mmCIF file of all heavy atoms, coordinates in Angstrom:
data_MODEL
# 
_entry.id   MODEL 
# 
loop_
_atom_site.group_PDB 
_atom_site.id 
_atom_site.type_symbol 
_atom_site.label_atom_id 
_atom_site.label_alt_id 
_atom_site.label_comp_id 
_atom_site.label_asym_id 
_atom_site.label_entity_id 
_atom_site.label_seq_id 
_atom_site.pdbx_PDB_ins_code 
_atom_site.Cartn_x 
_atom_site.Cartn_y 
_atom_site.Cartn_z 
_atom_site.occupancy 
_atom_site.B_iso_or_equiv 
_atom_site.pdbx_formal_charge 
_atom_site.auth_seq_id 
_atom_site.auth_comp_id 
_atom_site.auth_asym_id 
_atom_site.auth_atom_id 
_atom_site.pdbx_PDB_model_num 
ATOM 1   N N   . GLU A 1 1  ? -50.577 138.842 -171.454 1.00 0.00 ? 1  GLU A N   1 
ATOM 2   C CA  . GLU A 1 1  ? -51.596 138.632 -172.482 1.00 0.00 ? 1  GLU A CA  1 
ATOM 3   C C   . GLU A 1 1  ? -52.530 139.837 -172.545 1.00 0.00 ? 1  GLU A C   1 
ATOM 4   O O   . GLU A 1 1  ? -53.030 140.300 -171.524 1.00 0.00 ? 1  GLU A O   1 
ATOM 5   C CB  . GLU A 1 1  ? -52.388 137.368 -172.148 1.00 0.00 ? 1  GLU A CB  1 
ATOM 6   C CG  . GLU A 1 1  ? -53.438 137.024 -173.168 1.00 0.00 ? 1  GLU A CG  1 
ATOM 7   C CD  . GLU A 1 1  ? -54.241 135.802 -172.758 1.00 0.00 ? 1  GLU A CD  1 
ATOM 8   O OE1 . GLU A 1 1  ? -53.694 134.894 -172.127 1.00 0.00 ? 1  GLU A OE1 1 
ATOM 9   O OE2 . GLU A 1 1  ? -55.443 135.781 -173.075 1.00 0.00 ? 1  GLU A OE2 1 
ATOM 10  N N   . ILE A 1 2  ? -52.772 140.340 -173.750 1.00 0.00 ? 2  ILE A N   1 
ATOM 11  C CA  . ILE A 1 2  ? -53.664 141.481 -173.972 1.00 0.00 ? 2  ILE A CA  1 
ATOM 12  C C   . ILE A 1 2  ? -55.002 140.953 -174.491 1.00 0.00 ? 2  ILE A C   1 
ATOM 13  O O   . ILE A 1 2  ? -55.030 140.155 -175.415 1.00 0.00 ? 2  ILE A O   1 
ATOM 14  C CB  . ILE A 1 2  ? -53.080 142.455 -175.016 1.00 0.00 ? 2  ILE A CB  1 
ATOM 15  C CG1 . ILE A 1 2  ? -51.652 142.857 -174.678 1.00 0.00 ? 2  ILE A CG1 1 
ATOM 16  C CG2 . ILE A 1 2  ? -53.981 143.662 -175.194 1.00 0.00 ? 2  ILE A CG2 1 
ATOM 17  C CD1 . ILE A 1 2  ? -51.502 143.751 -173.494 1.00 0.00 ? 2  ILE A CD1 1 
ATOM 18  N N   . SER A 1 3  ? -56.104 141.391 -173.861 1.00 0.00 ? 3  SER A N   1 
ATOM 19  C CA  . SER A 1 3  ? -57.426 140.932 -174.307 1.00 0.00 ? 3  SER A CA  1 
ATOM 20  C C   . SER A 1 3  ? -58.489 141.957 -173.934 1.00 0.00 ? 3  SER A C   1 
ATOM 21  O O   . SER A 1 3  ? -58.263 142.829 -173.106 1.00 0.00 ? 3  SER A O   1 
ATOM 22  C CB  . SER A 1 3  ? -57.764 139.583 -173.666 1.00 0.00 ? 3  SER A CB  1 
ATOM 23  O OG  . SER A 1 3  ? -57.846 139.717 -172.267 1.00 0.00 ? 3  SER A OG  1 
ATOM 24  N N   . LEU A 1 4  ? -59.660 141.826 -174.565 1.00 0.00 ? 4  LEU A N   1 
ATOM 25  C CA  . LEU A 1 4  ? -60.804 142.668 -174.211 1.00 0.00 ? 4  LEU A CA  1 
ATOM 26  C C   . LEU A 1 4  ? -61.480 142.096 -172.980 1.00 0.00 ? 4  LEU A C   1 
ATOM 27  O O   . LEU A 1 4  ? -61.585 140.883 -172.826 1.00 0.00 ? 4  LEU A O   1 
ATOM 28  C CB  . LEU A 1 4  ? -61.822 142.703 -175.351 1.00 0.00 ? 4  LEU A CB  1 
ATOM 29  C CG  . LEU A 1 4  ? -61.586 143.657 -176.498 1.00 0.00 ? 4  LEU A CG  1 
ATOM 30  C CD1 . LEU A 1 4  ? -62.781 143.616 -177.434 1.00 0.00 ? 4  LEU A CD1 1 
ATOM 31  C CD2 . LEU A 1 4  ? -61.338 145.058 -176.056 1.00 0.00 ? 4  LEU A CD2 1 
ATOM 32  N N   . ASP A 1 5  ? -61.943 142.972 -172.126 1.00 0.00 ? 5  ASP A N   1 
ATOM 33  C CA  . ASP A 1 5  ? -62.661 142.564 -170.925 1.00 0.00 ? 5  ASP A CA  1 
ATOM 34  C C   . ASP A 1 5  ? -64.043 143.199 -170.984 1.00 0.00 ? 5  ASP A C   1 
ATOM 35  O O   . ASP A 1 5  ? -64.243 144.316 -170.523 1.00 0.00 ? 5  ASP A O   1 
ATOM 36  C CB  . ASP A 1 5  ? -61.895 143.019 -169.690 1.00 0.00 ? 5  ASP A CB  1 
ATOM 37  C CG  . ASP A 1 5  ? -62.586 142.661 -168.394 1.00 0.00 ? 5  ASP A CG  1 
ATOM 38  O OD1 . ASP A 1 5  ? -63.531 141.847 -168.428 1.00 0.00 ? 5  ASP A OD1 1 
ATOM 39  O OD2 . ASP A 1 5  ? -62.182 143.179 -167.345 1.00 0.00 ? 5  ASP A OD2 1 
ATOM 40  N N   . LEU A 1 6  ? -64.991 142.484 -171.573 1.00 0.00 ? 6  LEU A N   1 
ATOM 41  C CA  . LEU A 1 6  ? -66.339 143.027 -171.729 1.00 0.00 ? 6  LEU A CA  1 
ATOM 42  C C   . LEU A 1 6  ? -67.091 143.083 -170.406 1.00 0.00 ? 6  LEU A C   1 
ATOM 43  O O   . LEU A 1 6  ? -68.039 143.842 -170.267 1.00 0.00 ? 6  LEU A O   1 
ATOM 44  C CB  . LEU A 1 6  ? -67.108 142.202 -172.765 1.00 0.00 ? 6  LEU A CB  1 
ATOM 45  C CG  . LEU A 1 6  ? -66.509 142.215 -174.176 1.00 0.00 ? 6  LEU A CG  1 
ATOM 46  C CD1 . LEU A 1 6  ? -67.242 141.235 -175.074 1.00 0.00 ? 6  LEU A CD1 1 
ATOM 47  C CD2 . LEU A 1 6  ? -66.532 143.605 -174.769 1.00 0.00 ? 6  LEU A CD2 1 
ATOM 48  N N   . THR A 1 7  ? -66.662 142.294 -169.409 1.00 0.00 ? 7  THR A N   1 
ATOM 49  C CA  . THR A 1 7  ? -67.324 142.300 -168.108 1.00 0.00 ? 7  THR A CA  1 
ATOM 50  C C   . THR A 1 7  ? -66.763 143.362 -167.179 1.00 0.00 ? 7  THR A C   1 
ATOM 51  O O   . THR A 1 7  ? -67.438 143.790 -166.251 1.00 0.00 ? 7  THR A O   1 
ATOM 52  C CB  . THR A 1 7  ? -67.181 140.930 -167.418 1.00 0.00 ? 7  THR A CB  1 
ATOM 53  O OG1 . THR A 1 7  ? -65.795 140.686 -167.167 1.00 0.00 ? 7  THR A OG1 1 
ATOM 54  C CG2 . THR A 1 7  ? -67.750 139.820 -168.262 1.00 0.00 ? 7  THR A CG2 1 
ATOM 55  N N   . GLY A 1 8  ? -65.506 143.766 -167.391 1.00 0.00 ? 8  GLY A N   1 
ATOM 56  C CA  . GLY A 1 8  ? -64.869 144.748 -166.515 1.00 0.00 ? 8  GLY A CA  1 
ATOM 57  C C   . GLY A 1 8  ? -64.356 144.163 -165.222 1.00 0.00 ? 8  GLY A C   1 
ATOM 58  O O   . GLY A 1 8  ? -64.044 144.887 -164.284 1.00 0.00 ? 8  GLY A O   1 
ATOM 59  N N   . LYS A 1 9  ? -64.232 142.832 -165.139 1.00 0.00 ? 9  LYS A N   1 
ATOM 60  C CA  . LYS A 1 9  ? -63.853 142.172 -163.890 1.00 0.00 ? 9  LYS A CA  1 
ATOM 61  C C   . LYS A 1 9  ? -62.521 141.421 -163.943 1.00 0.00 ? 9  LYS A C   1 
ATOM 62  O O   . LYS A 1 9  ? -62.060 140.941 -162.926 1.00 0.00 ? 9  LYS A O   1 
ATOM 63  C CB  . LYS A 1 9  ? -64.938 141.166 -163.497 1.00 0.00 ? 9  LYS A CB  1 
ATOM 64  C CG  . LYS A 1 9  ? -66.313 141.754 -163.413 1.00 0.00 ? 9  LYS A CG  1 
ATOM 65  C CD  . LYS A 1 9  ? -66.728 141.931 -162.003 1.00 0.00 ? 9  LYS A CD  1 
ATOM 66  C CE  . LYS A 1 9  ? -68.180 142.358 -161.947 1.00 0.00 ? 9  LYS A CE  1 
ATOM 67  N NZ  . LYS A 1 9  ? -68.407 143.494 -161.144 1.00 0.00 ? 9  LYS A NZ  1 
ATOM 68  N N   . LYS A 1 10 ? -61.907 141.310 -165.123 1.00 0.00 ? 10 LYS A N   1 
ATOM 69  C CA  . LYS A 1 10 ? -60.655 140.558 -165.224 1.00 0.00 ? 10 LYS A CA  1 
ATOM 70  C C   . LYS A 1 10 ? -59.545 141.249 -164.442 1.00 0.00 ? 10 LYS A C   1 
ATOM 71  O O   . LYS A 1 10 ? -59.497 142.468 -164.347 1.00 0.00 ? 10 LYS A O   1 
ATOM 72  C CB  . LYS A 1 10 ? -60.209 140.434 -166.685 1.00 0.00 ? 10 LYS A CB  1 
ATOM 73  C CG  . LYS A 1 10 ? -60.998 139.451 -167.497 1.00 0.00 ? 10 LYS A CG  1 
ATOM 74  C CD  . LYS A 1 10 ? -60.380 139.311 -168.869 1.00 0.00 ? 10 LYS A CD  1 
ATOM 75  C CE  . LYS A 1 10 ? -61.168 138.373 -169.738 1.00 0.00 ? 10 LYS A CE  1 
ATOM 76  N NZ  . LYS A 1 10 ? -60.618 138.290 -171.088 1.00 0.00 ? 10 LYS A NZ  1 
ATOM 77  N N   . ALA A 1 11 ? -58.633 140.431 -163.912 1.00 0.00 ? 11 ALA A N   1 
ATOM 78  C CA  . ALA A 1 11 ? -57.498 140.961 -163.173 1.00 0.00 ? 11 ALA A CA  1 
ATOM 79  C C   . ALA A 1 11 ? -56.433 141.451 -164.142 1.00 0.00 ? 11 ALA A C   1 
ATOM 80  O O   . ALA A 1 11 ? -56.230 140.869 -165.202 1.00 0.00 ? 11 ALA A O   1 
ATOM 81  C CB  . ALA A 1 11 ? -56.916 139.871 -162.280 1.00 0.00 ? 11 ALA A CB  1 
ATOM 82  N N   . GLY A 1 12 ? -55.774 142.534 -163.771 1.00 0.00 ? 12 GLY A N   1 
ATOM 83  C CA  . GLY A 1 12 ? -54.687 143.048 -164.587 1.00 0.00 ? 12 GLY A CA  1 
ATOM 84  C C   . GLY A 1 12 ? -54.800 144.539 -164.822 1.00 0.00 ? 12 GLY A C   1 
ATOM 85  O O   . GLY A 1 12 ? -55.738 145.207 -164.382 1.00 0.00 ? 12 GLY A O   1 
ATOM 86  N N   . ARG A 1 13 ? -53.818 145.075 -165.517 1.00 0.00 ? 13 ARG A N   1 
ATOM 87  C CA  . ARG A 1 13 ? -53.762 146.498 -165.858 1.00 0.00 ? 13 ARG A CA  1 
ATOM 88  C C   . ARG A 1 13 ? -54.782 146.787 -166.948 1.00 0.00 ? 13 ARG A C   1 
ATOM 89  O O   . ARG A 1 13 ? -54.867 146.056 -167.931 1.00 0.00 ? 13 ARG A O   1 
ATOM 90  C CB  . ARG A 1 13 ? -52.349 146.815 -166.345 1.00 0.00 ? 13 ARG A CB  1 
ATOM 91  C CG  . ARG A 1 13 ? -52.147 148.183 -166.879 1.00 0.00 ? 13 ARG A CG  1 
ATOM 92  C CD  . ARG A 1 13 ? -51.658 149.098 -165.775 1.00 0.00 ? 13 ARG A CD  1 
ATOM 93  N NE  . ARG A 1 13 ? -51.327 150.404 -166.372 1.00 0.00 ? 13 ARG A NE  1 
ATOM 94  C CZ  . ARG A 1 13 ? -51.765 151.534 -165.882 1.00 0.00 ? 13 ARG A CZ  1 
ATOM 95  N NH1 . ARG A 1 13 ? -52.508 151.536 -164.806 1.00 0.00 ? 13 ARG A NH1 1 
ATOM 96  N NH2 . ARG A 1 13 ? -51.442 152.670 -166.440 1.00 0.00 ? 13 ARG A NH2 1 
ATOM 97  N N   . GLY A 1 14 ? -55.547 147.844 -166.796 1.00 0.00 ? 14 GLY A N   1 
ATOM 98  C CA  . GLY A 1 14 ? -56.605 148.133 -167.757 1.00 0.00 ? 14 GLY A CA  1 
ATOM 99  C C   . GLY A 1 14 ? -56.479 149.482 -168.432 1.00 0.00 ? 14 GLY A C   1 
ATOM 100 O O   . GLY A 1 14 ? -55.920 150.425 -167.878 1.00 0.00 ? 14 GLY A O   1 
ATOM 101 N N   . ALA A 1 15 ? -56.979 149.551 -169.649 1.00 0.00 ? 15 ALA A N   1 
ATOM 102 C CA  . ALA A 1 15 ? -57.134 150.795 -170.401 1.00 0.00 ? 15 ALA A CA  1 
ATOM 103 C C   . ALA A 1 15 ? -58.504 150.711 -171.066 1.00 0.00 ? 15 ALA A C   1 
ATOM 104 O O   . ALA A 1 15 ? -59.018 149.617 -171.294 1.00 0.00 ? 15 ALA A O   1 
ATOM 105 C CB  . ALA A 1 15 ? -56.028 150.943 -171.437 1.00 0.00 ? 15 ALA A CB  1 
ATOM 106 N N   . TYR A 1 16 ? -59.097 151.856 -171.366 1.00 0.00 ? 16 TYR A N   1 
ATOM 107 C CA  . TYR A 1 16 ? -60.481 151.866 -171.844 1.00 0.00 ? 16 TYR A CA  1 
ATOM 108 C C   . TYR A 1 16 ? -60.585 152.429 -173.248 1.00 0.00 ? 16 TYR A C   1 
ATOM 109 O O   . TYR A 1 16 ? -59.792 153.276 -173.654 1.00 0.00 ? 16 TYR A O   1 
ATOM 110 C CB  . TYR A 1 16 ? -61.353 152.693 -170.896 1.00 0.00 ? 16 TYR A CB  1 
ATOM 111 C CG  . TYR A 1 16 ? -61.510 152.054 -169.543 1.00 0.00 ? 16 TYR A CG  1 
ATOM 112 C CD1 . TYR A 1 16 ? -60.564 152.233 -168.554 1.00 0.00 ? 16 TYR A CD1 1 
ATOM 113 C CD2 . TYR A 1 16 ? -62.597 151.239 -169.265 1.00 0.00 ? 16 TYR A CD2 1 
ATOM 114 C CE1 . TYR A 1 16 ? -60.692 151.629 -167.315 1.00 0.00 ? 16 TYR A CE1 1 
ATOM 115 C CE2 . TYR A 1 16 ? -62.736 150.633 -168.028 1.00 0.00 ? 16 TYR A CE2 1 
ATOM 116 C CZ  . TYR A 1 16 ? -61.783 150.833 -167.058 1.00 0.00 ? 16 TYR A CZ  1 
ATOM 117 O OH  . TYR A 1 16 ? -61.913 150.231 -165.842 1.00 0.00 ? 16 TYR A OH  1 
ATOM 118 N N   . VAL A 1 17 ? -61.580 151.929 -173.983 1.00 0.00 ? 17 VAL A N   1 
ATOM 119 C CA  . VAL A 1 17 ? -61.855 152.401 -175.342 1.00 0.00 ? 17 VAL A CA  1 
ATOM 120 C C   . VAL A 1 17 ? -63.371 152.368 -175.549 1.00 0.00 ? 17 VAL A C   1 
ATOM 121 O O   . VAL A 1 17 ? -64.076 151.565 -174.935 1.00 0.00 ? 17 VAL A O   1 
ATOM 122 C CB  . VAL A 1 17 ? -61.106 151.535 -176.387 1.00 0.00 ? 17 VAL A CB  1 
ATOM 123 C CG1 . VAL A 1 17 ? -61.660 150.133 -176.447 1.00 0.00 ? 17 VAL A CG1 1 
ATOM 124 C CG2 . VAL A 1 17 ? -61.115 152.171 -177.752 1.00 0.00 ? 17 VAL A CG2 1 
ATOM 125 N N   . CYS A 1 18 ? -63.866 153.273 -176.398 1.00 0.00 ? 18 CYS A N   1 
ATOM 126 C CA  . CYS A 1 18 ? -65.302 153.297 -176.714 1.00 0.00 ? 18 CYS A CA  1 
ATOM 127 C C   . CYS A 1 18 ? -65.723 151.983 -177.373 1.00 0.00 ? 18 CYS A C   1 
ATOM 128 O O   . CYS A 1 18 ? -64.895 151.279 -177.931 1.00 0.00 ? 18 CYS A O   1 
ATOM 129 C CB  . CYS A 1 18 ? -65.611 154.453 -177.673 1.00 0.00 ? 18 CYS A CB  1 
ATOM 130 S SG  . CYS A 1 18 ? -65.367 156.082 -176.976 1.00 0.00 ? 18 CYS A SG  1 
ATOM 131 N N   . LYS A 1 19 ? -67.021 151.720 -177.353 1.00 0.00 ? 19 LYS A N   1 
ATOM 132 C CA  . LYS A 1 19 ? -67.548 150.481 -177.931 1.00 0.00 ? 19 LYS A CA  1 
ATOM 133 C C   . LYS A 1 19 ? -67.759 150.589 -179.425 1.00 0.00 ? 19 LYS A C   1 
ATOM 134 O O   . LYS A 1 19 ? -68.703 150.035 -179.960 1.00 0.00 ? 19 LYS A O   1 
ATOM 135 C CB  . LYS A 1 19 ? -68.880 150.110 -177.268 1.00 0.00 ? 19 LYS A CB  1 
ATOM 136 C CG  . LYS A 1 19 ? -68.745 149.604 -175.878 1.00 0.00 ? 19 LYS A CG  1 
ATOM 137 C CD  . LYS A 1 19 ? -70.083 149.176 -175.327 1.00 0.00 ? 19 LYS A CD  1 
ATOM 138 C CE  . LYS A 1 19 ? -69.954 148.702 -173.907 1.00 0.00 ? 19 LYS A CE  1 
ATOM 139 N NZ  . LYS A 1 19 ? -71.214 148.340 -173.314 1.00 0.00 ? 19 LYS A NZ  1 
ATOM 140 N N   . ASN A 1 20 ? -66.894 151.316 -180.137 1.00 0.00 ? 20 ASN A N   1 
ATOM 141 C CA  . ASN A 1 20 ? -66.999 151.350 -181.584 1.00 0.00 ? 20 ASN A CA  1 
ATOM 142 C C   . ASN A 1 20 ? -65.635 151.114 -182.223 1.00 0.00 ? 20 ASN A C   1 
ATOM 143 O O   . ASN A 1 20 ? -64.595 151.378 -181.622 1.00 0.00 ? 20 ASN A O   1 
ATOM 144 C CB  . ASN A 1 20 ? -67.651 152.648 -182.084 1.00 0.00 ? 20 ASN A CB  1 
ATOM 145 C CG  . ASN A 1 20 ? -66.831 153.875 -181.802 1.00 0.00 ? 20 ASN A CG  1 
ATOM 146 O OD1 . ASN A 1 20 ? -65.634 153.892 -181.985 1.00 0.00 ? 20 ASN A OD1 1 
ATOM 147 N ND2 . ASN A 1 20 ? -67.500 154.918 -181.351 1.00 0.00 ? 20 ASN A ND2 1 
ATOM 148 N N   . ALA A 1 21 ? -65.665 150.598 -183.422 1.00 0.00 ? 21 ALA A N   1 
ATOM 149 C CA  . ALA A 1 21 ? -64.443 150.192 -184.111 1.00 0.00 ? 21 ALA A CA  1 
ATOM 150 C C   . ALA A 1 21 ? -63.569 151.390 -184.479 1.00 0.00 ? 21 ALA A C   1 
ATOM 151 O O   . ALA A 1 21 ? -62.343 151.249 -184.564 1.00 0.00 ? 21 ALA A O   1 
ATOM 152 C CB  . ALA A 1 21 ? -64.804 149.393 -185.355 1.00 0.00 ? 21 ALA A CB  1 
ATOM 153 N N   . ASP A 1 22 ? -64.174 152.570 -184.671 1.00 0.00 ? 22 ASP A N   1 
ATOM 154 C CA  . ASP A 1 22 ? -63.398 153.754 -185.043 1.00 0.00 ? 22 ASP A CA  1 
ATOM 155 C C   . ASP A 1 22 ? -62.421 154.155 -183.944 1.00 0.00 ? 22 ASP A C   1 
ATOM 156 O O   . ASP A 1 22 ? -61.269 154.489 -184.218 1.00 0.00 ? 22 ASP A O   1 
ATOM 157 C CB  . ASP A 1 22 ? -64.321 154.931 -185.367 1.00 0.00 ? 22 ASP A CB  1 
ATOM 158 C CG  . ASP A 1 22 ? -65.163 154.688 -186.606 1.00 0.00 ? 22 ASP A CG  1 
ATOM 159 O OD1 . ASP A 1 22 ? -64.758 153.861 -187.444 1.00 0.00 ? 22 ASP A OD1 1 
ATOM 160 O OD2 . ASP A 1 22 ? -66.225 155.329 -186.735 1.00 0.00 ? 22 ASP A OD2 1 
ATOM 161 N N   . CYS A 1 23 ? -62.881 154.142 -182.695 1.00 0.00 ? 23 CYS A N   1 
ATOM 162 C CA  . CYS A 1 23 ? -62.006 154.522 -181.586 1.00 0.00 ? 23 CYS A CA  1 
ATOM 163 C C   . CYS A 1 23 ? -60.886 153.498 -181.399 1.00 0.00 ? 23 CYS A C   1 
ATOM 164 O O   . CYS A 1 23 ? -59.761 153.871 -181.073 1.00 0.00 ? 23 CYS A O   1 
ATOM 165 C CB  . CYS A 1 23 ? -62.799 154.688 -180.295 1.00 0.00 ? 23 CYS A CB  1 
ATOM 166 S SG  . CYS A 1 23 ? -63.620 156.286 -180.190 1.00 0.00 ? 23 CYS A SG  1 
ATOM 167 N N   . LEU A 1 24 ? -61.187 152.229 -181.609 1.00 0.00 ? 24 LEU A N   1 
ATOM 168 C CA  . LEU A 1 24 ? -60.142 151.210 -181.515 1.00 0.00 ? 24 LEU A CA  1 
ATOM 169 C C   . LEU A 1 24 ? -59.103 151.427 -182.609 1.00 0.00 ? 24 LEU A C   1 
ATOM 170 O O   . LEU A 1 24 ? -57.904 151.309 -182.364 1.00 0.00 ? 24 LEU A O   1 
ATOM 171 C CB  . LEU A 1 24 ? -60.736 149.805 -181.615 1.00 0.00 ? 24 LEU A CB  1 
ATOM 172 C CG  . LEU A 1 24 ? -59.740 148.657 -181.457 1.00 0.00 ? 24 LEU A CG  1 
ATOM 173 C CD1 . LEU A 1 24 ? -59.086 148.684 -180.085 1.00 0.00 ? 24 LEU A CD1 1 
ATOM 174 C CD2 . LEU A 1 24 ? -60.400 147.328 -181.681 1.00 0.00 ? 24 LEU A CD2 1 
ATOM 175 N N   . ALA A 1 25 ? -59.555 151.798 -183.803 1.00 0.00 ? 25 ALA A N   1 
ATOM 176 C CA  . ALA A 1 25 ? -58.623 152.067 -184.903 1.00 0.00 ? 25 ALA A CA  1 
ATOM 177 C C   . ALA A 1 25 ? -57.746 153.280 -184.591 1.00 0.00 ? 25 ALA A C   1 
ATOM 178 O O   . ALA A 1 25 ? -56.542 153.273 -184.881 1.00 0.00 ? 25 ALA A O   1 
ATOM 179 C CB  . ALA A 1 25 ? -59.396 152.283 -186.198 1.00 0.00 ? 25 ALA A CB  1 
ATOM 180 N N   . LYS A 1 26 ? -58.325 154.319 -183.982 1.00 0.00 ? 26 LYS A N   1 
ATOM 181 C CA  . LYS A 1 26 ? -57.547 155.500 -183.593 1.00 0.00 ? 26 LYS A CA  1 
ATOM 182 C C   . LYS A 1 26 ? -56.503 155.138 -182.545 1.00 0.00 ? 26 LYS A C   1 
ATOM 183 O O   . LYS A 1 26 ? -55.359 155.588 -182.622 1.00 0.00 ? 26 LYS A O   1 
ATOM 184 C CB  . LYS A 1 26 ? -58.465 156.591 -183.035 1.00 0.00 ? 26 LYS A CB  1 
ATOM 185 C CG  . LYS A 1 26 ? -59.296 157.300 -184.064 1.00 0.00 ? 26 LYS A CG  1 
ATOM 186 C CD  . LYS A 1 26 ? -60.172 158.337 -183.374 1.00 0.00 ? 26 LYS A CD  1 
ATOM 187 C CE  . LYS A 1 26 ? -61.222 158.904 -184.304 1.00 0.00 ? 26 LYS A CE  1 
ATOM 188 N NZ  . LYS A 1 26 ? -62.136 159.814 -183.601 1.00 0.00 ? 26 LYS A NZ  1 
# 
């Protein structure tokens, strides 16, 4: 399951993105 982790504490493989919609779109 793929989801956002706003707390940074969920278990699993992680990747990071800026807190703006433009970077998510890129």
